[in-house]
Amino acid sequence: MIFLGGNGHCAARLAAARVVLTGSDVDLADIAYPGVEGRPRATDIETFLGSVAGEVAAAATGEGRRVVYATGIGGLVALCLRARGQVAEVPLILQAPVLWGLERRFMPRLMRLGLAQTAVSRVFASNLFQRHFVRRHFMRPSSRKMRAAFFEGYANCAALPDLFAWFTPTLLRQLEEELAARPAALQGVTIWWGGRDRVVTPRELRWTEDALDTKWPVSFFPGWGHYPMIDEPEAWVRAVDRHSARA
């Protein structure tokens, strides 16, 4: 499983899933983004995507089934790679992806302002906000250690302003052209959505399918929120394994 995380991603989000996978023949490759978890930032989007593409290519080698799993902004990263002719042959699961909604929602526009980025960092560091976020977006109680690591991921995400600065309507127009020229890049894509996801809504999918003139199969998981790998690692691993076996 090649995992492309969302904004503020940290390895701790997959810790419980790795425990579930202990002793199995499934390899979970958590792709390291530049500027995340204390790593140096990329100078531009091409350098960023080049680094990610190299890690994905390395993880995609070898025998056996493979699947790319992308969540949040990782969904847009995955489509950028496919638009460049990479991993188009590997089944792609987009779970609650952040895609063409970037040009419609207020938050992404706000985050392109320097002061807004500073404010958001401070908000995520607030104990009051963290307690509210956990109650609203985590479906099950998590350990204090897990919660601390989760929010530390945002604190150590130097790439956060870069991702908002790079993933703009201009990039979306470019992607529309590139993907139209590579229709195969839009095949083998499945959408997953948690029925209790309050972070990203399915409107994101409608806007994206309209922009790309495509239609992807959708699976809804009624009990899932935005972080099934944290809330329900056993069920999440089983679902990914079943899907990759059918792909």
C-alpha atoms as a PDB file:
ATOM      1  CA  MET A   1       0.000   0.000   0.000  1.00  0.00           C
ATOM      2  CA  ILE A   2       1.500   3.317  -1.136  1.00  0.00           C
ATOM      3  CA  PHE A   3       0.100   6.008   1.149  1.00  0.00           C
ATOM      4  CA  LEU A   4      -0.118   9.701   0.204  1.00  0.00           C
ATOM      5  CA  GLY A   5      -1.171  11.661   3.266  1.00  0.00           C
ATOM      6  CA  GLY A   6      -2.956  14.950   3.701  1.00  0.00           C
ATOM      7  CA  ASN A   7      -1.801  18.292   5.021  1.00  0.00           C
ATOM      8  CA  GLY A   8      -0.062  18.008   8.372  1.00  0.00           C
ATOM      9  CA  HIS A   9       0.426  14.279   7.900  1.00  0.00           C
ATOM     10  CA  CYS A  10       2.598  12.400  10.367  1.00  0.00           C
ATOM     11  CA  ALA A  11       3.726   8.789  10.641  1.00  0.00           C
ATOM     12  CA  ALA A  12       1.744   8.397  13.873  1.00  0.00           C
ATOM     13  CA  ARG A  13      -1.508   8.470  11.874  1.00  0.00           C
ATOM     14  CA  LEU A  14      -0.588   5.039  10.508  1.00  0.00           C
ATOM     15  CA  ALA A  15       0.889   3.584  13.710  1.00  0.00           C
ATOM     16  CA  ALA A  16      -2.214   1.586  14.646  1.00  0.00           C
ATOM     17  CA  ALA A  17      -2.538   0.255  11.089  1.00  0.00           C
ATOM     18  CA  ARG A  18       1.073  -0.928  11.192  1.00  0.00           C
ATOM     19  CA  VAL A  19       0.293  -2.905  14.352  1.00  0.00           C
ATOM     20  CA  VAL A  20      -2.613  -4.558  12.546  1.00  0.00           C
ATOM     21  CA  LEU A  21      -0.305  -5.419   9.641  1.00  0.00           C
ATOM     22  CA  THR A  22       2.373  -6.976  11.870  1.00  0.00           C
ATOM     23  CA  GLY A  23       3.126 -10.460  10.616  1.00  0.00           C
ATOM     24  CA  SER A  24       1.207  -9.981   7.349  1.00  0.00           C
ATOM     25  CA  ASP A  25       2.638  -9.820   3.850  1.00  0.00           C
ATOM     26  CA  VAL A  26       1.333  -6.272   3.327  1.00  0.00           C
ATOM     27  CA  ASP A  27       3.948  -3.519   3.112  1.00  0.00           C
ATOM     28  CA  LEU A  28       2.736  -0.038   4.028  1.00  0.00           C
ATOM     29  CA  ALA A  29       4.859   2.607   2.278  1.00  0.00           C
ATOM     30  CA  ASP A  30       4.173   6.002   3.855  1.00  0.00           C
ATOM     31  CA  ILE A  31       5.475   8.490   1.285  1.00  0.00           C
ATOM     32  CA  ALA A  32       7.555  11.252   2.893  1.00  0.00           C
ATOM     33  CA  TYR A  33       6.693  14.741   1.651  1.00  0.00           C
ATOM     34  CA  PRO A  34       9.324  17.494   1.650  1.00  0.00           C
ATOM     35  CA  GLY A  35       8.560  20.038   4.360  1.00  0.00           C
ATOM     36  CA  VAL A  36       6.586  17.573   6.493  1.00  0.00           C
ATOM     37  CA  GLU A  37       7.632  16.156   9.886  1.00  0.00           C
ATOM     38  CA  GLY A  38      10.636  18.465  10.045  1.00  0.00           C
ATOM     39  CA  ARG A  39      12.030  17.611   6.608  1.00  0.00           C
ATOM     40  CA  PRO A  40      13.417  20.486   4.476  1.00  0.00           C
ATOM     41  CA  ARG A  41      10.904  22.288   2.273  1.00  0.00           C
ATOM     42  CA  ALA A  42      10.954  21.976  -1.497  1.00  0.00           C
ATOM     43  CA  THR A  43      11.817  25.144  -3.392  1.00  0.00           C
ATOM     44  CA  ASP A  44       8.899  24.786  -5.810  1.00  0.00           C
ATOM     45  CA  ILE A  45       6.096  22.455  -6.778  1.00  0.00           C
ATOM     46  CA  GLU A  46       8.114  20.624  -9.433  1.00  0.00           C
ATOM     47  CA  THR A  47      10.814  19.810  -6.898  1.00  0.00           C
ATOM     48  CA  PHE A  48       8.125  18.699  -4.433  1.00  0.00           C
ATOM     49  CA  LEU A  49       6.397  16.433  -6.963  1.00  0.00           C
ATOM     50  CA  GLY A  50       9.727  15.102  -8.209  1.00  0.00           C
ATOM     51  CA  SER A  51      10.679  14.025  -4.693  1.00  0.00           C
ATOM     52  CA  VAL A  52       7.300  12.377  -4.113  1.00  0.00           C
ATOM     53  CA  ALA A  53       7.424  10.684  -7.530  1.00  0.00           C
ATOM     54  CA  GLY A  54      10.813   9.185  -6.741  1.00  0.00           C
ATOM     55  CA  GLU A  55       9.574   7.670  -3.481  1.00  0.00           C
ATOM     56  CA  VAL A  56       6.402   6.363  -5.114  1.00  0.00           C
ATOM     57  CA  ALA A  57       8.370   4.784  -7.957  1.00  0.00           C
ATOM     58  CA  ALA A  58      10.664   3.040  -5.486  1.00  0.00           C
ATOM     59  CA  ALA A  59       7.693   1.752  -3.476  1.00  0.00           C
ATOM     60  CA  ALA A  60       5.881   0.541  -6.600  1.00  0.00           C
ATOM     61  CA  THR A  61       8.642  -1.858  -7.664  1.00  0.00           C
ATOM     62  CA  GLY A  62       8.604  -5.560  -6.909  1.00  0.00           C
ATOM     63  CA  GLU A  63       6.092  -8.373  -7.171  1.00  0.00           C
ATOM     64  CA  GLY A  64       2.559  -8.616  -5.869  1.00  0.00           C
ATOM     65  CA  ARG A  65      -0.506  -6.396  -5.834  1.00  0.00           C
ATOM     66  CA  ARG A  66      -0.100  -2.683  -5.355  1.00  0.00           C
ATOM     67  CA  VAL A  67      -2.510   0.108  -4.564  1.00  0.00           C
ATOM     68  CA  VAL A  68      -2.035   3.842  -4.091  1.00  0.00           C
ATOM     69  CA  TYR A  69      -4.130   5.285  -1.266  1.00  0.00           C
ATOM     70  CA  ALA A  70      -4.418   9.073  -1.117  1.00  0.00           C
ATOM     71  CA  THR A  71      -6.361  11.138   1.388  1.00  0.00           C
ATOM     72  CA  GLY A  72      -7.012  14.872   1.680  1.00  0.00           C
ATOM     73  CA  ILE A  73      -4.551  16.951  -0.345  1.00  0.00           C
ATOM     74  CA  GLY A  74      -2.761  13.699  -1.143  1.00  0.00           C
ATOM     75  CA  GLY A  75      -5.518  13.120  -3.693  1.00  0.00           C
ATOM     76  CA  LEU A  76      -4.369  16.125  -5.691  1.00  0.00           C
ATOM     77  CA  VAL A  77      -0.751  14.992  -5.375  1.00  0.00           C
ATOM     78  CA  ALA A  78      -1.779  11.614  -6.822  1.00  0.00           C
ATOM     79  CA  LEU A  79      -3.519  13.218  -9.794  1.00  0.00           C
ATOM     80  CA  CYS A  80      -0.484  15.430 -10.421  1.00  0.00           C
ATOM     81  CA  LEU A  81       1.655  12.281 -10.621  1.00  0.00           C
ATOM     82  CA  ARG A  82      -0.794  10.576 -12.964  1.00  0.00           C
ATOM     83  CA  ALA A  83      -0.927  13.663 -15.180  1.00  0.00           C
ATOM     84  CA  ARG A  84       2.838  13.216 -15.580  1.00  0.00           C
ATOM     85  CA  GLY A  85       2.414   9.585 -16.617  1.00  0.00           C
ATOM     86  CA  GLN A  86       3.331   8.012 -13.276  1.00  0.00           C
ATOM     87  CA  VAL A  87       1.555   5.176 -11.381  1.00  0.00           C
ATOM     88  CA  ALA A  88      -1.321   5.251 -13.858  1.00  0.00           C
ATOM     89  CA  GLU A  89      -1.263   1.438 -13.952  1.00  0.00           C
ATOM     90  CA  VAL A  90      -1.610   1.126 -10.167  1.00  0.00           C
ATOM     91  CA  PRO A  91      -5.176   1.225  -8.740  1.00  0.00           C
ATOM     92  CA  LEU A  92      -5.827   4.504  -6.945  1.00  0.00           C
ATOM     93  CA  ILE A  93      -8.115   4.999  -3.941  1.00  0.00           C
ATOM     94  CA  LEU A  94      -8.963   8.628  -3.212  1.00  0.00           C
ATOM     95  CA  GLN A  95     -10.411   8.893   0.282  1.00  0.00           C
ATOM     96  CA  ALA A  96     -12.169  12.209   0.947  1.00  0.00           C
ATOM     97  CA  PRO A  97      -9.728  13.952  -1.417  1.00  0.00           C
ATOM     98  CA  VAL A  98      -9.183  17.695  -1.582  1.00  0.00           C
ATOM     99  CA  LEU A  99      -9.438  18.427  -5.303  1.00  0.00           C
ATOM    100  CA  TRP A 100     -11.339  21.025  -7.370  1.00  0.00           C
ATOM    101  CA  GLY A 101     -13.036  22.417  -4.283  1.00  0.00           C
ATOM    102  CA  LEU A 102      -9.805  24.350  -3.709  1.00  0.00           C
ATOM    103  CA  GLU A 103     -11.055  27.100  -6.008  1.00  0.00           C
ATOM    104  CA  ARG A 104     -14.529  27.263  -4.481  1.00  0.00           C
ATOM    105  CA  ARG A 105     -13.951  27.196  -0.740  1.00  0.00           C
ATOM    106  CA  PHE A 106     -13.022  30.207   1.340  1.00  0.00           C
ATOM    107  CA  MET A 107     -10.418  28.503   3.527  1.00  0.00           C
ATOM    108  CA  PRO A 108      -7.860  27.754   0.758  1.00  0.00           C
ATOM    109  CA  ARG A 109      -8.027  31.360  -0.454  1.00  0.00           C
ATOM    110  CA  LEU A 110      -7.578  32.620   3.084  1.00  0.00           C
ATOM    111  CA  MET A 111      -4.615  30.314   3.694  1.00  0.00           C
ATOM    112  CA  ARG A 112      -2.668  31.909   0.852  1.00  0.00           C
ATOM    113  CA  LEU A 113      -2.310  34.973   3.070  1.00  0.00           C
ATOM    114  CA  GLY A 114       0.724  34.924   5.341  1.00  0.00           C
ATOM    115  CA  LEU A 115      -1.094  36.182   8.425  1.00  0.00           C
ATOM    116  CA  ALA A 116      -3.777  33.520   8.034  1.00  0.00           C
ATOM    117  CA  GLN A 117      -1.137  30.799   7.974  1.00  0.00           C
ATOM    118  CA  THR A 118       0.361  32.098  11.217  1.00  0.00           C
ATOM    119  CA  ALA A 119      -3.074  32.280  12.812  1.00  0.00           C
ATOM    120  CA  VAL A 120      -3.944  28.720  11.822  1.00  0.00           C
ATOM    121  CA  SER A 121      -0.686  27.421  13.284  1.00  0.00           C
ATOM    122  CA  ARG A 122      -1.500  29.114  16.570  1.00  0.00           C
ATOM    123  CA  VAL A 123      -5.059  27.795  16.543  1.00  0.00           C
ATOM    124  CA  PHE A 124      -3.874  24.199  16.018  1.00  0.00           C
ATOM    125  CA  ALA A 125      -1.531  24.631  18.983  1.00  0.00           C
ATOM    126  CA  SER A 126      -4.424  25.659  21.251  1.00  0.00           C
ATOM    127  CA  ASN A 127      -5.556  23.007  23.744  1.00  0.00           C
ATOM    128  CA  LEU A 128      -9.120  24.291  23.470  1.00  0.00           C
ATOM    129  CA  PHE A 129      -9.137  23.911  19.687  1.00  0.00           C
ATOM    130  CA  GLN A 130      -7.496  20.494  19.882  1.00  0.00           C
ATOM    131  CA  ARG A 131     -10.171  19.184  22.232  1.00  0.00           C
ATOM    132  CA  HIS A 132     -12.893  20.553  19.933  1.00  0.00           C
ATOM    133  CA  PHE A 133     -11.225  19.052  16.842  1.00  0.00           C
ATOM    134  CA  VAL A 134     -10.889  15.614  18.440  1.00  0.00           C
ATOM    135  CA  ARG A 135     -14.540  15.581  19.558  1.00  0.00           C
ATOM    136  CA  ARG A 136     -15.743  16.640  16.121  1.00  0.00           C
ATOM    137  CA  HIS A 137     -13.503  14.647  13.796  1.00  0.00           C
ATOM    138  CA  PHE A 138     -12.325  11.515  15.634  1.00  0.00           C
ATOM    139  CA  MET A 139     -14.951   8.803  15.770  1.00  0.00           C
ATOM    140  CA  ARG A 140     -13.385   6.952  18.710  1.00  0.00           C
ATOM    141  CA  PRO A 141     -11.322   8.056  21.702  1.00  0.00           C
ATOM    142  CA  SER A 142      -7.608   8.051  20.968  1.00  0.00           C
ATOM    143  CA  SER A 143      -4.640   8.001  23.292  1.00  0.00           C
ATOM    144  CA  ARG A 144      -3.054  11.179  24.584  1.00  0.00           C
ATOM    145  CA  LYS A 145       0.139  10.186  22.763  1.00  0.00           C
ATOM    146  CA  MET A 146      -1.720   9.824  19.459  1.00  0.00           C
ATOM    147  CA  ARG A 147      -3.445  13.195  19.829  1.00  0.00           C
ATOM    148  CA  ALA A 148      -0.159  14.921  20.679  1.00  0.00           C
ATOM    149  CA  ALA A 149       1.552  13.398  17.627  1.00  0.00           C
ATOM    150  CA  PHE A 150      -1.386  14.316  15.392  1.00  0.00           C
ATOM    151  CA  PHE A 151      -1.216  18.016  16.232  1.00  0.00           C
ATOM    152  CA  GLU A 152       2.570  17.973  16.286  1.00  0.00           C
ATOM    153  CA  GLY A 153       2.277  16.954  12.643  1.00  0.00           C
ATOM    154  CA  TYR A 154       0.736  20.340  11.865  1.00  0.00           C
ATOM    155  CA  ALA A 155       3.299  22.153  13.994  1.00  0.00           C
ATOM    156  CA  ASN A 156       6.122  20.490  12.028  1.00  0.00           C
ATOM    157  CA  CYS A 157       4.484  20.931   8.621  1.00  0.00           C
ATOM    158  CA  ALA A 158       6.633  23.656   7.066  1.00  0.00           C
ATOM    159  CA  ALA A 159       5.080  22.747   3.706  1.00  0.00           C
ATOM    160  CA  LEU A 160       1.594  23.829   4.799  1.00  0.00           C
ATOM    161  CA  PRO A 161       1.819  27.331   3.243  1.00  0.00           C
ATOM    162  CA  ASP A 162       3.580  25.886   0.181  1.00  0.00           C
ATOM    163  CA  LEU A 163       0.771  23.462  -0.570  1.00  0.00           C
ATOM    164  CA  PHE A 164      -1.805  26.244  -0.441  1.00  0.00           C
ATOM    165  CA  ALA A 165       0.415  28.485  -2.561  1.00  0.00           C
ATOM    166  CA  TRP A 166       1.054  25.803  -5.196  1.00  0.00           C
ATOM    167  CA  PHE A 167      -2.339  24.128  -5.479  1.00  0.00           C
ATOM    168  CA  THR A 168      -4.284  26.978  -7.037  1.00  0.00           C
ATOM    169  CA  PRO A 169      -6.910  27.422  -9.788  1.00  0.00           C
ATOM    170  CA  THR A 170      -4.018  27.932 -12.227  1.00  0.00           C
ATOM    171  CA  LEU A 171      -2.682  24.470 -11.383  1.00  0.00           C
ATOM    172  CA  LEU A 172      -6.173  22.998 -11.730  1.00  0.00           C
ATOM    173  CA  ARG A 173      -6.504  24.434 -15.254  1.00  0.00           C
ATOM    174  CA  GLN A 174      -3.126  22.914 -16.118  1.00  0.00           C
ATOM    175  CA  LEU A 175      -4.177  19.557 -14.701  1.00  0.00           C
ATOM    176  CA  GLU A 176      -7.415  19.616 -16.705  1.00  0.00           C
ATOM    177  CA  GLU A 177      -5.399  19.930 -19.916  1.00  0.00           C
ATOM    178  CA  GLU A 178      -2.807  17.328 -18.942  1.00  0.00           C
ATOM    179  CA  LEU A 179      -5.371  14.760 -17.810  1.00  0.00           C
ATOM    180  CA  ALA A 180      -7.517  15.323 -20.913  1.00  0.00           C
ATOM    181  CA  ALA A 181      -4.451  14.409 -22.956  1.00  0.00           C
ATOM    182  CA  ARG A 182      -3.961  11.252 -20.861  1.00  0.00           C
ATOM    183  CA  PRO A 183      -7.440   9.672 -20.509  1.00  0.00           C
ATOM    184  CA  ALA A 184      -5.888   6.502 -19.082  1.00  0.00           C
ATOM    185  CA  ALA A 185      -4.727   8.542 -16.094  1.00  0.00           C
ATOM    186  CA  LEU A 186      -8.361   8.906 -14.998  1.00  0.00           C
ATOM    187  CA  GLN A 187      -9.017   5.178 -15.071  1.00  0.00           C
ATOM    188  CA  GLY A 188      -8.570   2.746 -12.210  1.00  0.00           C
ATOM    189  CA  VAL A 189      -9.687   5.408  -9.697  1.00  0.00           C
ATOM    190  CA  THR A 190     -12.097   4.649  -6.850  1.00  0.00           C
ATOM    191  CA  ILE A 191     -13.517   7.187  -4.402  1.00  0.00           C
ATOM    192  CA  TRP A 192     -14.043   6.391  -0.731  1.00  0.00           C
ATOM    193  CA  TRP A 193     -15.990   8.596   1.644  1.00  0.00           C
ATOM    194  CA  GLY A 194     -16.821   8.294   5.292  1.00  0.00           C
ATOM    195  CA  GLY A 195     -20.450   8.917   6.105  1.00  0.00           C
ATOM    196  CA  ARG A 196     -19.433  10.953   9.174  1.00  0.00           C
ATOM    197  CA  ASP A 197     -16.636  12.925   7.515  1.00  0.00           C
ATOM    198  CA  ARG A 198     -16.878  16.585   8.546  1.00  0.00           C
ATOM    199  CA  VAL A 199     -13.569  17.682   7.043  1.00  0.00           C
ATOM    200  CA  VAL A 200     -14.279  17.273   3.308  1.00  0.00           C
ATOM    201  CA  THR A 201     -17.767  16.864   1.815  1.00  0.00           C
ATOM    202  CA  PRO A 202     -18.792  14.898  -1.316  1.00  0.00           C
ATOM    203  CA  ARG A 203     -19.387  18.204  -3.118  1.00  0.00           C
ATOM    204  CA  GLU A 204     -15.655  18.015  -3.757  1.00  0.00           C
ATOM    205  CA  LEU A 205     -16.242  14.981  -5.955  1.00  0.00           C
ATOM    206  CA  ARG A 206     -19.052  16.564  -7.976  1.00  0.00           C
ATOM    207  CA  TRP A 207     -16.949  19.633  -8.737  1.00  0.00           C
ATOM    208  CA  THR A 208     -13.988  17.468  -9.723  1.00  0.00           C
ATOM    209  CA  GLU A 209     -15.920  15.096 -11.976  1.00  0.00           C
ATOM    210  CA  ASP A 210     -17.523  18.058 -13.745  1.00  0.00           C
ATOM    211  CA  ALA A 211     -14.118  19.684 -14.303  1.00  0.00           C
ATOM    212  CA  LEU A 212     -12.517  16.479 -15.590  1.00  0.00           C
ATOM    213  CA  ASP A 213     -15.588  15.200 -17.466  1.00  0.00           C
ATOM    214  CA  THR A 214     -15.326  11.835 -15.757  1.00  0.00           C
ATOM    215  CA  LYS A 215     -17.271   9.603 -13.396  1.00  0.00           C
ATOM    216  CA  TRP A 216     -15.620   7.496 -10.723  1.00  0.00           C
ATOM    217  CA  PRO A 217     -17.175   4.688  -8.655  1.00  0.00           C
ATOM    218  CA  VAL A 218     -17.840   5.714  -5.057  1.00  0.00           C
ATOM    219  CA  SER A 219     -17.926   3.618  -1.890  1.00  0.00           C
ATOM    220  CA  PHE A 220     -19.452   5.130   1.237  1.00  0.00           C
ATOM    221  CA  PHE A 221     -18.526   3.860   4.683  1.00  0.00           C
ATOM    222  CA  PRO A 222     -21.333   5.025   6.998  1.00  0.00           C
ATOM    223  CA  GLY A 223     -19.395   4.844  10.273  1.00  0.00           C
ATOM    224  CA  TRP A 224     -16.144   6.373   9.055  1.00  0.00           C
ATOM    225  CA  GLY A 225     -14.990   9.908   9.660  1.00  0.00           C
ATOM    226  CA  HIS A 226     -12.036  11.539   7.923  1.00  0.00           C
ATOM    227  CA  TYR A 227      -9.417   9.411   9.702  1.00  0.00           C
ATOM    228  CA  PRO A 228     -10.446   5.730   9.487  1.00  0.00           C
ATOM    229  CA  MET A 229      -6.808   4.616   9.739  1.00  0.00           C
ATOM    230  CA  ILE A 230      -6.808   6.165  13.237  1.00  0.00           C
ATOM    231  CA  ASP A 231     -10.373   5.394  14.337  1.00  0.00           C
ATOM    232  CA  GLU A 232     -10.789   1.897  12.909  1.00  0.00           C
ATOM    233  CA  PRO A 233      -7.396   0.569  11.778  1.00  0.00           C
ATOM    234  CA  GLU A 234      -8.505  -3.086  11.564  1.00  0.00           C
ATOM    235  CA  ALA A 235     -11.558  -2.289   9.417  1.00  0.00           C
ATOM    236  CA  TRP A 236      -9.554   0.155   7.324  1.00  0.00           C
ATOM    237  CA  VAL A 237      -6.808  -2.372   6.558  1.00  0.00           C
ATOM    238  CA  ARG A 238      -9.381  -5.032   5.661  1.00  0.00           C
ATOM    239  CA  ALA A 239     -11.179  -2.651   3.302  1.00  0.00           C
ATOM    240  CA  VAL A 240      -7.982  -1.680   1.492  1.00  0.00           C
ATOM    241  CA  ASP A 241      -6.918  -5.313   1.230  1.00  0.00           C
ATOM    242  CA  ARG A 242     -10.302  -6.394  -0.211  1.00  0.00           C
ATOM    243  CA  HIS A 243     -10.204  -3.579  -2.749  1.00  0.00           C
ATOM    244  CA  SER A 244      -6.652  -4.309  -3.899  1.00  0.00           C
ATOM    245  CA  ALA A 245      -7.518  -8.001  -4.284  1.00  0.00           C
ATOM    246  CA  ARG A 246     -10.368  -7.112  -6.665  1.00  0.00           C
ATOM    247  CA  ALA A 247      -8.463  -4.449  -8.611  1.00  0.00           C
END
